[in-house]
Amino acid sequence: MSDPAPSLTAASPSRPEAPLARFDISAEQISRVVAVFYGRVRSHDVLGPVFGAHVEDWPEHEEKIARFWRNAILREKCYSGNPMRIHVSRPDVREEHFPIWLGLFHEVLQTELPELTARQWGALADRIGEGFRTGVVAMRQPKNAPPKLF
């Protein structure tokens, strides 16, 4: 008889039946990275005005984004939303903003986290950011235009 499928949770005294994380990080570390990142975004000459045009309540926005990352990394199922729709619906969010966003995000990851964790979260952010960038470009193309090759 074969062994049962591995559990999708990891029990520990501090996190009984907690979902497995994609990598070793705490919810508190995620919140700190998000707060530091958006502190830098607000003062960034390119990203600051774009975010500032849409974010009315920074603490609320930071908490929402922290939930997004806890959902993606810790699998907490605490985020519901459609970030692709949000990005596409804002014409001032442009393709060239994504590399800037990711560069700034990587800087924060490297200063706030252990090296391995920063690399792991950075790789996940790169995949998600590229998906958003590609989606923004594709969804804004005129209906009858030939596809834009990247």
Protein backbone atom coordinates (compact mmCIF):
# COMPACT_ATOMS: atom_id res chain seq x y z
CA MET A 1 0.00 0.00 0.00
CA SER A 2 1.34 3.45 -0.86
CA ASP A 3 1.90 6.22 1.63
CA PRO A 4 -0.87 8.80 1.86
CA ALA A 5 -0.36 12.08 0.03
CA PRO A 6 1.71 14.57 1.99
CA SER A 7 -0.24 17.04 4.07
CA LEU A 8 -0.65 20.55 2.73
CA THR A 9 -0.15 21.94 6.20
CA ALA A 10 2.80 22.02 8.54
CA ALA A 11 2.13 21.78 12.24
CA SER A 12 4.37 23.45 14.76
CA PRO A 13 3.86 24.72 18.30
CA SER A 14 3.64 28.32 17.07
CA ARG A 15 1.64 27.57 13.90
CA PRO A 16 -0.60 24.54 14.39
CA GLU A 17 -1.86 23.31 11.02
CA ALA A 18 -0.46 26.39 9.28
CA PRO A 19 -0.38 26.27 5.48
CA LEU A 20 3.01 25.54 3.96
CA ALA A 21 4.81 28.66 2.84
CA ARG A 22 6.45 28.89 -0.55
CA PHE A 23 9.60 29.82 1.40
CA ASP A 24 10.58 30.68 4.95
CA ILE A 25 9.08 34.05 5.86
CA SER A 26 6.68 35.37 8.48
CA ALA A 27 3.57 37.51 8.08
CA GLU A 28 5.38 40.21 10.07
CA GLN A 29 8.30 40.21 7.61
CA ILE A 30 5.87 40.51 4.71
CA SER A 31 4.15 43.49 6.35
CA ARG A 32 7.49 45.17 7.04
CA VAL A 33 8.68 44.74 3.44
CA VAL A 34 5.39 46.12 2.12
CA ALA A 35 5.55 49.15 4.46
CA VAL A 36 9.18 49.95 3.59
CA PHE A 37 8.50 49.47 -0.12
CA TYR A 38 5.53 51.84 -0.17
CA GLY A 39 7.47 54.37 1.87
CA ARG A 40 9.99 54.41 -0.98
CA VAL A 41 7.28 54.40 -3.64
CA ARG A 42 5.68 57.54 -2.18
CA SER A 43 8.93 59.47 -2.61
CA HIS A 44 9.91 57.96 -5.98
CA ASP A 45 9.91 60.49 -8.82
CA VAL A 46 8.25 58.14 -11.35
CA LEU A 47 6.18 55.72 -9.26
CA GLY A 48 5.11 58.18 -6.55
CA PRO A 49 2.76 60.23 -8.74
CA VAL A 50 1.23 57.12 -10.35
CA PHE A 51 0.44 55.47 -7.02
CA GLY A 52 -0.49 58.80 -5.46
CA ALA A 53 -3.16 59.33 -8.11
CA HIS A 54 -4.96 56.17 -7.02
CA VAL A 55 -4.13 55.42 -3.37
CA GLU A 56 -6.19 57.49 -0.95
CA ASP A 57 -5.46 55.56 2.24
CA TRP A 58 -1.86 54.31 2.37
CA PRO A 59 -2.21 52.12 5.51
CA GLU A 60 -5.29 50.45 3.98
CA HIS A 61 -3.47 49.92 0.67
CA GLU A 62 -0.40 48.49 2.41
CA GLU A 63 -2.57 46.07 4.40
CA LYS A 64 -4.34 44.95 1.22
CA ILE A 65 -1.02 44.34 -0.54
CA ALA A 66 0.37 42.54 2.52
CA ARG A 67 -2.70 40.26 2.35
CA PHE A 68 -1.97 39.69 -1.37
CA TRP A 69 1.58 38.57 -0.54
CA ARG A 70 0.51 36.47 2.48
CA ASN A 71 -1.96 34.77 0.18
CA ALA A 72 0.70 34.17 -2.49
CA ILE A 73 3.49 33.11 -0.13
CA LEU A 74 1.87 31.76 3.03
CA ARG A 75 -1.33 30.64 1.29
CA GLU A 76 -3.46 32.29 3.97
CA LYS A 77 -6.48 32.79 1.68
CA CYS A 78 -6.84 36.30 3.06
CA TYR A 79 -6.90 38.26 -0.21
CA SER A 80 -9.65 38.64 -2.73
CA GLY A 81 -9.37 40.96 -5.63
CA ASN A 82 -8.41 41.23 -9.25
CA PRO A 83 -5.08 43.05 -9.44
CA MET A 84 -4.82 42.55 -13.20
CA ARG A 85 -8.11 44.39 -13.75
CA ILE A 86 -6.97 47.19 -11.43
CA HIS A 87 -3.67 47.66 -13.31
CA VAL A 88 -5.29 47.52 -16.75
CA SER A 89 -8.05 49.96 -15.78
CA ARG A 90 -5.56 52.69 -14.92
CA PRO A 91 -4.13 54.17 -18.12
CA ASP A 92 -1.33 55.94 -16.25
CA VAL A 93 0.05 52.52 -15.22
CA ARG A 94 2.33 51.79 -18.15
CA GLU A 95 4.50 48.93 -19.31
CA GLU A 96 7.71 50.77 -18.45
CA HIS A 97 6.67 51.14 -14.80
CA PHE A 98 6.98 47.43 -14.07
CA PRO A 99 10.79 47.15 -14.30
CA ILE A 100 11.08 50.25 -12.09
CA TRP A 101 8.63 48.77 -9.59
CA LEU A 102 10.50 45.46 -9.55
CA GLY A 103 13.90 47.12 -9.19
CA LEU A 104 12.72 49.10 -6.18
CA PHE A 105 11.03 46.03 -4.73
CA HIS A 106 14.24 43.99 -5.07
CA GLU A 107 16.19 46.74 -3.29
CA VAL A 108 13.78 46.58 -0.36
CA LEU A 109 13.85 42.78 -0.27
CA GLN A 110 17.66 42.81 -0.16
CA THR A 111 17.81 45.33 2.68
CA GLU A 112 14.99 43.86 4.79
CA LEU A 113 15.35 40.08 4.47
CA PRO A 114 17.95 37.33 4.63
CA GLU A 115 19.59 36.77 1.24
CA LEU A 116 17.86 33.49 0.38
CA THR A 117 14.42 34.74 1.34
CA ALA A 118 14.97 37.95 -0.65
CA ARG A 119 15.95 35.93 -3.73
CA GLN A 120 12.97 33.60 -3.37
CA TRP A 121 10.43 36.38 -2.91
CA GLY A 122 12.12 38.36 -5.67
CA ALA A 123 11.73 35.46 -8.11
CA LEU A 124 8.02 35.23 -7.27
CA ALA A 125 7.63 39.02 -7.65
CA ASP A 126 9.38 38.86 -11.04
CA ARG A 127 6.93 36.22 -12.29
CA ILE A 128 3.90 38.13 -11.01
CA GLY A 129 5.20 41.48 -12.27
CA GLU A 130 5.92 40.07 -15.72
CA GLY A 131 2.40 38.63 -15.81
CA PHE A 132 0.94 42.04 -14.97
CA ARG A 133 3.15 43.81 -17.50
CA THR A 134 2.24 41.35 -20.24
CA GLY A 135 -1.45 41.57 -19.35
CA VAL A 136 -1.45 45.35 -19.40
CA VAL A 137 0.16 45.39 -22.85
CA ALA A 138 -2.06 42.66 -24.28
CA MET A 139 -5.35 43.97 -22.91
CA ARG A 140 -4.71 47.51 -24.16
CA GLN A 141 -4.05 46.52 -27.77
CA PRO A 142 -6.66 47.61 -30.29
CA LYS A 143 -9.00 44.72 -31.13
CA ASN A 144 -7.97 44.37 -34.80
CA ALA A 145 -4.30 45.24 -34.41
CA PRO A 146 -1.66 42.57 -35.00
CA PRO A 147 -0.25 41.28 -31.72
CA LYS A 148 2.68 43.16 -30.26
CA LEU A 149 5.67 40.86 -30.08
CA PHE A 150 7.71 41.38 -26.94
